[in-house]
Amino acid sequence: MIKYDYEKAYEKLEEIMKRLEEGSLPLDESLKLYEEGIKMYRICSGLLEKAQLKIAKLVEKDGELIEEKFNVQED
């Protein structure tokens, strides 16, 4: 299994979208590309979610949830 970083997965997703938008592919190839595009989308989405968790965290103060910058040394 190939390990993708965000940039590579996003590039691959863009490439797939361009090929699908051309509309000149046979149906079976279009379906394979669509499935691969969904996979790239999920990779990108998951990596963005992980990045968000690294940037901010929710902390309860005075009964309210507030967002604070994430500090690796504290956690």
PDB file of N, CA and C in Angstrom:
ATOM      1  N   MET A   1       0.843  -1.190   0.000  1.00  0.00           N
ATOM      2  CA  MET A   1       0.000   0.000   0.000  1.00  0.00           C
ATOM      3  C   MET A   1       0.883   1.246   0.000  1.00  0.00           C
ATOM      4  N   ILE A   2       0.541   2.198  -0.850  1.00  0.00           N
ATOM      5  CA  ILE A   2       1.311   3.433  -0.970  1.00  0.00           C
ATOM      6  C   ILE A   2       0.899   4.381   0.144  1.00  0.00           C
ATOM      7  N   LYS A   3       1.888   4.999   0.782  1.00  0.00           N
ATOM      8  CA  LYS A   3       1.633   5.986   1.836  1.00  0.00           C
ATOM      9  C   LYS A   3       1.641   7.371   1.188  1.00  0.00           C
ATOM     10  N   TYR A   4       0.539   8.105   1.292  1.00  0.00           N
ATOM     11  CA  TYR A   4       0.413   9.425   0.692  1.00  0.00           C
ATOM     12  C   TYR A   4       0.511  10.503   1.754  1.00  0.00           C
ATOM     13  N   ASP A   5       1.207  11.594   1.413  1.00  0.00           N
ATOM     14  CA  ASP A   5       1.079  12.786   2.233  1.00  0.00           C
ATOM     15  C   ASP A   5      -0.043  13.618   1.601  1.00  0.00           C
ATOM     16  N   TYR A   6      -0.437  14.693   2.238  1.00  0.00           N
ATOM     17  CA  TYR A   6      -1.578  15.463   1.767  1.00  0.00           C
ATOM     18  C   TYR A   6      -1.372  15.969   0.340  1.00  0.00           C
ATOM     19  N   GLU A   7      -0.215  16.533   0.078  1.00  0.00           N
ATOM     20  CA  GLU A   7       0.040  17.133  -1.228  1.00  0.00           C
ATOM     21  C   GLU A   7      -0.042  16.100  -2.354  1.00  0.00           C
ATOM     22  N   LYS A   8       0.548  14.931  -2.141  1.00  0.00           N
ATOM     23  CA  LYS A   8       0.516  13.888  -3.167  1.00  0.00           C
ATOM     24  C   LYS A   8      -0.907  13.367  -3.384  1.00  0.00           C
ATOM     25  N   ALA A   9      -1.637  13.174  -2.297  1.00  0.00           N
ATOM     26  CA  ALA A   9      -3.015  12.688  -2.408  1.00  0.00           C
ATOM     27  C   ALA A   9      -3.885  13.720  -3.116  1.00  0.00           C
ATOM     28  N   TYR A  10      -3.674  14.989  -2.805  1.00  0.00           N
ATOM     29  CA  TYR A  10      -4.469  16.057  -3.432  1.00  0.00           C
ATOM     30  C   TYR A  10      -4.147  16.167  -4.924  1.00  0.00           C
ATOM     31  N   GLU A  11      -2.867  16.078  -5.270  1.00  0.00           N
ATOM     32  CA  GLU A  11      -2.464  16.094  -6.679  1.00  0.00           C
ATOM     33  C   GLU A  11      -3.112  14.940  -7.438  1.00  0.00           C
ATOM     34  N   LYS A  12      -3.085  13.764  -6.845  1.00  0.00           N
ATOM     35  CA  LYS A  12      -3.681  12.579  -7.467  1.00  0.00           C
ATOM     36  C   LYS A  12      -5.185  12.777  -7.641  1.00  0.00           C
ATOM     37  N   LEU A  13      -5.832  13.350  -6.634  1.00  0.00           N
ATOM     38  CA  LEU A  13      -7.266  13.614  -6.711  1.00  0.00           C
ATOM     39  C   LEU A  13      -7.572  14.599  -7.841  1.00  0.00           C
ATOM     40  N   GLU A  14      -6.789  15.657  -7.959  1.00  0.00           N
ATOM     41  CA  GLU A  14      -6.982  16.625  -9.042  1.00  0.00           C
ATOM     42  C   GLU A  14      -6.815  15.963 -10.410  1.00  0.00           C
ATOM     43  N   GLU A  15      -5.791  15.126 -10.540  1.00  0.00           N
ATOM     44  CA  GLU A  15      -5.536  14.418 -11.791  1.00  0.00           C
ATOM     45  C   GLU A  15      -6.736  13.532 -12.153  1.00  0.00           C
ATOM     46  N   ILE A  16      -7.259  12.823 -11.175  1.00  0.00           N
ATOM     47  CA  ILE A  16      -8.413  11.947 -11.395  1.00  0.00           C
ATOM     48  C   ILE A  16      -9.623  12.765 -11.823  1.00  0.00           C
ATOM     49  N   MET A  17      -9.858  13.887 -11.151  1.00  0.00           N
ATOM     50  CA  MET A  17     -11.002  14.727 -11.484  1.00  0.00           C
ATOM     51  C   MET A  17     -10.903  15.242 -12.920  1.00  0.00           C
ATOM     52  N   LYS A  18      -9.725  15.666 -13.331  1.00  0.00           N
ATOM     53  CA  LYS A  18      -9.546  16.159 -14.703  1.00  0.00           C
ATOM     54  C   LYS A  18      -9.849  15.074 -15.724  1.00  0.00           C
ATOM     55  N   ARG A  19      -9.344  13.871 -15.458  1.00  0.00           N
ATOM     56  CA  ARG A  19      -9.582  12.761 -16.394  1.00  0.00           C
ATOM     57  C   ARG A  19     -11.064  12.411 -16.467  1.00  0.00           C
ATOM     58  N   LEU A  20     -11.741  12.410 -15.324  1.00  0.00           N
ATOM     59  CA  LEU A  20     -13.167  12.094 -15.316  1.00  0.00           C
ATOM     60  C   LEU A  20     -13.984  13.185 -16.008  1.00  0.00           C
ATOM     61  N   GLU A  21     -13.594  14.444 -15.831  1.00  0.00           N
ATOM     62  CA  GLU A  21     -14.320  15.554 -16.440  1.00  0.00           C
ATOM     63  C   GLU A  21     -14.203  15.558 -17.962  1.00  0.00           C
ATOM     64  N   GLU A  22     -13.129  14.982 -18.485  1.00  0.00           N
ATOM     65  CA  GLU A  22     -12.972  14.906 -19.940  1.00  0.00           C
ATOM     66  C   GLU A  22     -14.105  14.095 -20.563  1.00  0.00           C
ATOM     67  N   GLY A  23     -14.565  13.085 -19.868  1.00  0.00           N
ATOM     68  CA  GLY A  23     -15.689  12.295 -20.319  1.00  0.00           C
ATOM     69  C   GLY A  23     -15.396  11.339 -21.464  1.00  0.00           C
ATOM     70  N   SER A  24     -14.132  11.079 -21.739  1.00  0.00           N
ATOM     71  CA  SER A  24     -13.796  10.223 -22.879  1.00  0.00           C
ATOM     72  C   SER A  24     -13.391   8.808 -22.478  1.00  0.00           C
ATOM     73  N   LEU A  25     -13.465   8.500 -21.198  1.00  0.00           N
ATOM     74  CA  LEU A  25     -13.050   7.180 -20.721  1.00  0.00           C
ATOM     75  C   LEU A  25     -14.192   6.179 -20.800  1.00  0.00           C
ATOM     76  N   PRO A  26     -13.865   4.908 -21.003  1.00  0.00           N
ATOM     77  CA  PRO A  26     -14.902   3.874 -20.933  1.00  0.00           C
ATOM     78  C   PRO A  26     -15.469   3.801 -19.510  1.00  0.00           C
ATOM     79  N   LEU A  27     -16.671   3.302 -19.392  1.00  0.00           N
ATOM     80  CA  LEU A  27     -17.360   3.265 -18.105  1.00  0.00           C
ATOM     81  C   LEU A  27     -16.565   2.537 -17.033  1.00  0.00           C
ATOM     82  N   ASP A  28     -16.007   1.366 -17.348  1.00  0.00           N
ATOM     83  CA  ASP A  28     -15.282   0.603 -16.326  1.00  0.00           C
ATOM     84  C   ASP A  28     -14.056   1.353 -15.827  1.00  0.00           C
ATOM     85  N   GLU A  29     -13.361   2.054 -16.714  1.00  0.00           N
ATOM     86  CA  GLU A  29     -12.202   2.836 -16.292  1.00  0.00           C
ATOM     87  C   GLU A  29     -12.640   4.055 -15.466  1.00  0.00           C
ATOM     88  N   SER A  30     -13.753   4.660 -15.859  1.00  0.00           N
ATOM     89  CA  SER A  30     -14.297   5.789 -15.100  1.00  0.00           C
ATOM     90  C   SER A  30     -14.654   5.367 -13.683  1.00  0.00           C
ATOM     91  N   LEU A  31     -15.258   4.190 -13.540  1.00  0.00           N
ATOM     92  CA  LEU A  31     -15.630   3.694 -12.215  1.00  0.00           C
ATOM     93  C   LEU A  31     -14.400   3.432 -11.357  1.00  0.00           C
ATOM     94  N   LYS A  32     -13.354   2.865 -11.955  1.00  0.00           N
ATOM     95  CA  LYS A  32     -12.115   2.616 -11.211  1.00  0.00           C
ATOM     96  C   LYS A  32     -11.494   3.936 -10.747  1.00  0.00           C
ATOM     97  N   LEU A  33     -11.485   4.927 -11.652  1.00  0.00           N
ATOM     98  CA  LEU A  33     -10.933   6.234 -11.280  1.00  0.00           C
ATOM     99  C   LEU A  33     -11.773   6.899 -10.194  1.00  0.00           C
ATOM    100  N   TYR A  34     -13.092   6.766 -10.297  1.00  0.00           N
ATOM    101  CA  TYR A  34     -13.977   7.328  -9.285  1.00  0.00           C
ATOM    102  C   TYR A  34     -13.680   6.726  -7.911  1.00  0.00           C
ATOM    103  N   GLU A  35     -13.533   5.415  -7.860  1.00  0.00           N
ATOM    104  CA  GLU A  35     -13.213   4.745  -6.589  1.00  0.00           C
ATOM    105  C   GLU A  35     -11.868   5.209  -6.046  1.00  0.00           C
ATOM    106  N   GLU A  36     -10.896   5.366  -6.933  1.00  0.00           N
ATOM    107  CA  GLU A  36      -9.590   5.849  -6.494  1.00  0.00           C
ATOM    108  C   GLU A  36      -9.693   7.299  -6.010  1.00  0.00           C
ATOM    109  N   GLY A  37     -10.530   8.082  -6.670  1.00  0.00           N
ATOM    110  CA  GLY A  37     -10.750   9.466  -6.250  1.00  0.00           C
ATOM    111  C   GLY A  37     -11.357   9.546  -4.860  1.00  0.00           C
ATOM    112  N   ILE A  38     -12.313   8.664  -4.586  1.00  0.00           N
ATOM    113  CA  ILE A  38     -12.915   8.616  -3.247  1.00  0.00           C
ATOM    114  C   ILE A  38     -11.852   8.275  -2.214  1.00  0.00           C
ATOM    115  N   LYS A  39     -10.972   7.349  -2.546  1.00  0.00           N
ATOM    116  CA  LYS A  39      -9.889   6.967  -1.637  1.00  0.00           C
ATOM    117  C   LYS A  39      -8.980   8.174  -1.363  1.00  0.00           C
ATOM    118  N   MET A  40      -8.616   8.919  -2.414  1.00  0.00           N
ATOM    119  CA  MET A  40      -7.750  10.089  -2.248  1.00  0.00           C
ATOM    120  C   MET A  40      -8.452  11.164  -1.425  1.00  0.00           C
ATOM    121  N   TYR A  41      -9.758  11.330  -1.657  1.00  0.00           N
ATOM    122  CA  TYR A  41     -10.530  12.295  -0.888  1.00  0.00           C
ATOM    123  C   TYR A  41     -10.502  11.940   0.602  1.00  0.00           C
ATOM    124  N   ARG A  42     -10.683  10.668   0.897  1.00  0.00           N
ATOM    125  CA  ARG A  42     -10.689  10.231   2.302  1.00  0.00           C
ATOM    126  C   ARG A  42      -9.321  10.408   2.945  1.00  0.00           C
ATOM    127  N   ILE A  43      -8.270  10.155   2.183  1.00  0.00           N
ATOM    128  CA  ILE A  43      -6.910  10.362   2.702  1.00  0.00           C
ATOM    129  C   ILE A  43      -6.716  11.840   3.026  1.00  0.00           C
ATOM    130  N   CYS A  44      -7.076  12.719   2.083  1.00  0.00           N
ATOM    131  CA  CYS A  44      -6.928  14.160   2.297  1.00  0.00           C
ATOM    132  C   CYS A  44      -7.743  14.620   3.501  1.00  0.00           C
ATOM    133  N   SER A  45      -8.975  14.173   3.558  1.00  0.00           N
ATOM    134  CA  SER A  45      -9.861  14.556   4.645  1.00  0.00           C
ATOM    135  C   SER A  45      -9.310  14.105   6.000  1.00  0.00           C
ATOM    136  N   GLY A  46      -8.826  12.876   6.063  1.00  0.00           N
ATOM    137  CA  GLY A  46      -8.259  12.359   7.311  1.00  0.00           C
ATOM    138  C   GLY A  46      -7.010  13.117   7.738  1.00  0.00           C
ATOM    139  N   LEU A  47      -6.159  13.441   6.779  1.00  0.00           N
ATOM    140  CA  LEU A  47      -4.941  14.182   7.103  1.00  0.00           C
ATOM    141  C   LEU A  47      -5.262  15.598   7.572  1.00  0.00           C
ATOM    142  N   LEU A  48      -6.257  16.226   6.965  1.00  0.00           N
ATOM    143  CA  LEU A  48      -6.670  17.559   7.414  1.00  0.00           C
ATOM    144  C   LEU A  48      -7.240  17.514   8.826  1.00  0.00           C
ATOM    145  N   GLU A  49      -8.017  16.486   9.103  1.00  0.00           N
ATOM    146  CA  GLU A  49      -8.596  16.336  10.440  1.00  0.00           C
ATOM    147  C   GLU A  49      -7.494  16.165  11.491  1.00  0.00           C
ATOM    148  N   LYS A  50      -6.503  15.346  11.177  1.00  0.00           N
ATOM    149  CA  LYS A  50      -5.381  15.159  12.105  1.00  0.00           C
ATOM    150  C   LYS A  50      -4.620  16.453  12.313  1.00  0.00           C
ATOM    151  N   ALA A  51      -4.447  17.228  11.247  1.00  0.00           N
ATOM    152  CA  ALA A  51      -3.741  18.504  11.362  1.00  0.00           C
ATOM    153  C   ALA A  51      -4.512  19.463  12.252  1.00  0.00           C
ATOM    154  N   GLN A  52      -5.837  19.489  12.100  1.00  0.00           N
ATOM    155  CA  GLN A  52      -6.645  20.352  12.944  1.00  0.00           C
ATOM    156  C   GLN A  52      -6.496  19.984  14.412  1.00  0.00           C
ATOM    157  N   LEU A  53      -6.456  18.707  14.717  1.00  0.00           N
ATOM    158  CA  LEU A  53      -6.323  18.268  16.101  1.00  0.00           C
ATOM    159  C   LEU A  53      -4.971  18.687  16.683  1.00  0.00           C
ATOM    160  N   LYS A  54      -3.977  18.781  15.844  1.00  0.00           N
ATOM    161  CA  LYS A  54      -2.663  19.207  16.313  1.00  0.00           C
ATOM    162  C   LYS A  54      -2.619  20.712  16.564  1.00  0.00           C
ATOM    163  N   ILE A  55      -3.461  21.457  15.874  1.00  0.00           N
ATOM    164  CA  ILE A  55      -3.428  22.916  15.955  1.00  0.00           C
ATOM    165  C   ILE A  55      -4.226  23.440  17.145  1.00  0.00           C
ATOM    166  N   ALA A  56      -5.346  22.818  17.434  1.00  0.00           N
ATOM    167  CA  ALA A  56      -6.222  23.336  18.482  1.00  0.00           C
ATOM    168  C   ALA A  56      -6.751  22.192  19.336  1.00  0.00           C
ATOM    169  N   LYS A  57      -7.111  22.526  20.547  1.00  0.00           N
ATOM    170  CA  LYS A  57      -7.752  21.558  21.422  1.00  0.00           C
ATOM    171  C   LYS A  57      -8.870  22.260  22.177  1.00  0.00           C
ATOM    172  N   LEU A  58      -9.865  21.513  22.583  1.00  0.00           N
ATOM    173  CA  LEU A  58     -10.955  22.068  23.365  1.00  0.00           C
ATOM    174  C   LEU A  58     -10.669  21.857  24.841  1.00  0.00           C
ATOM    175  N   VAL A  59     -10.881  22.896  25.622  1.00  0.00           N
ATOM    176  CA  VAL A  59     -10.633  22.837  27.052  1.00  0.00           C
ATOM    177  C   VAL A  59     -11.870  23.372  27.763  1.00  0.00           C
ATOM    178  N   GLU A  60     -12.255  22.688  28.834  1.00  0.00           N
ATOM    179  CA  GLU A  60     -13.395  23.158  29.601  1.00  0.00           C
ATOM    180  C   GLU A  60     -12.916  24.125  30.673  1.00  0.00           C
ATOM    181  N   LYS A  61     -13.474  25.320  30.647  1.00  0.00           N
ATOM    182  CA  LYS A  61     -13.180  26.337  31.667  1.00  0.00           C
ATOM    183  C   LYS A  61     -14.487  26.977  32.089  1.00  0.00           C
ATOM    184  N   ASP A  62     -14.714  27.011  33.359  1.00  0.00           N
ATOM    185  CA  ASP A  62     -15.927  27.611  33.917  1.00  0.00           C
ATOM    186  C   ASP A  62     -17.197  27.050  33.273  1.00  0.00           C
ATOM    187  N   GLY A  63     -17.213  25.749  33.012  1.00  0.00           N
ATOM    188  CA  GLY A  63     -18.383  25.096  32.451  1.00  0.00           C
ATOM    189  C   GLY A  63     -18.579  25.292  30.950  1.00  0.00           C
ATOM    190  N   GLU A  64     -17.642  25.967  30.306  1.00  0.00           N
ATOM    191  CA  GLU A  64     -17.731  26.187  28.858  1.00  0.00           C
ATOM    192  C   GLU A  64     -16.547  25.551  28.158  1.00  0.00           C
ATOM    193  N   LEU A  65     -16.776  25.104  26.931  1.00  0.00           N
ATOM    194  CA  LEU A  65     -15.683  24.591  26.119  1.00  0.00           C
ATOM    195  C   LEU A  65     -15.097  25.738  25.315  1.00  0.00           C
ATOM    196  N   ILE A  66     -13.795  25.906  25.451  1.00  0.00           N
ATOM    197  CA  ILE A  66     -13.117  26.920  24.652  1.00  0.00           C
ATOM    198  C   ILE A  66     -11.978  26.253  23.892  1.00  0.00           C
ATOM    199  N   GLU A  67     -11.585  26.884  22.820  1.00  0.00           N
ATOM    200  CA  GLU A  67     -10.529  26.333  21.995  1.00  0.00           C
ATOM    201  C   GLU A  67      -9.223  27.031  22.341  1.00  0.00           C
ATOM    202  N   GLU A  68      -8.183  26.228  22.576  1.00  0.00           N
ATOM    203  CA  GLU A  68      -6.854  26.758  22.861  1.00  0.00           C
ATOM    204  C   GLU A  68      -5.874  26.200  21.858  1.00  0.00           C
ATOM    205  N   LYS A  69      -4.775  26.925  21.692  1.00  0.00           N
ATOM    206  CA  LYS A  69      -3.709  26.388  20.850  1.00  0.00           C
ATOM    207  C   LYS A  69      -3.154  25.141  21.514  1.00  0.00           C
ATOM    208  N   PHE A  70      -2.812  24.194  20.692  1.00  0.00           N
ATOM    209  CA  PHE A  70      -2.282  22.934  21.175  1.00  0.00           C
ATOM    210  C   PHE A  70      -0.805  23.096  21.479  1.00  0.00           C
ATOM    211  N   ASN A  71      -0.389  22.706  22.672  1.00  0.00           N
ATOM    212  CA  ASN A  71       1.010  22.777  23.059  1.00  0.00           C
ATOM    213  C   ASN A  71       1.491  21.368  23.353  1.00  0.00           C
ATOM    214  N   VAL A  72       2.405  20.871  22.566  1.00  0.00           N
ATOM    215  CA  VAL A  72       2.874  19.498  22.679  1.00  0.00           C
ATOM    216  C   VAL A  72       3.500  19.233  24.040  1.00  0.00           C
ATOM    217  N   GLN A  73       4.224  20.169  24.610  1.00  0.00           N
ATOM    218  CA  GLN A  73       4.894  19.956  25.879  1.00  0.00           C
ATOM    219  C   GLN A  73       3.917  19.781  27.035  1.00  0.00           C
ATOM    220  N   GLU A  74       2.734  20.395  26.958  1.00  0.00           N
ATOM    221  CA  GLU A  74       1.733  20.226  28.011  1.00  0.00           C
ATOM    222  C   GLU A  74       1.096  18.857  27.983  1.00  0.00           C
ATOM    223  N   ASP A  75       0.868  18.324  26.790  1.00  0.00           N
ATOM    224  CA  ASP A  75       0.165  17.049  26.642  1.00  0.00           C
ATOM    225  C   ASP A  75       1.190  15.976  26.498  1.00  0.00           C
TER     226      ASP A  75
END
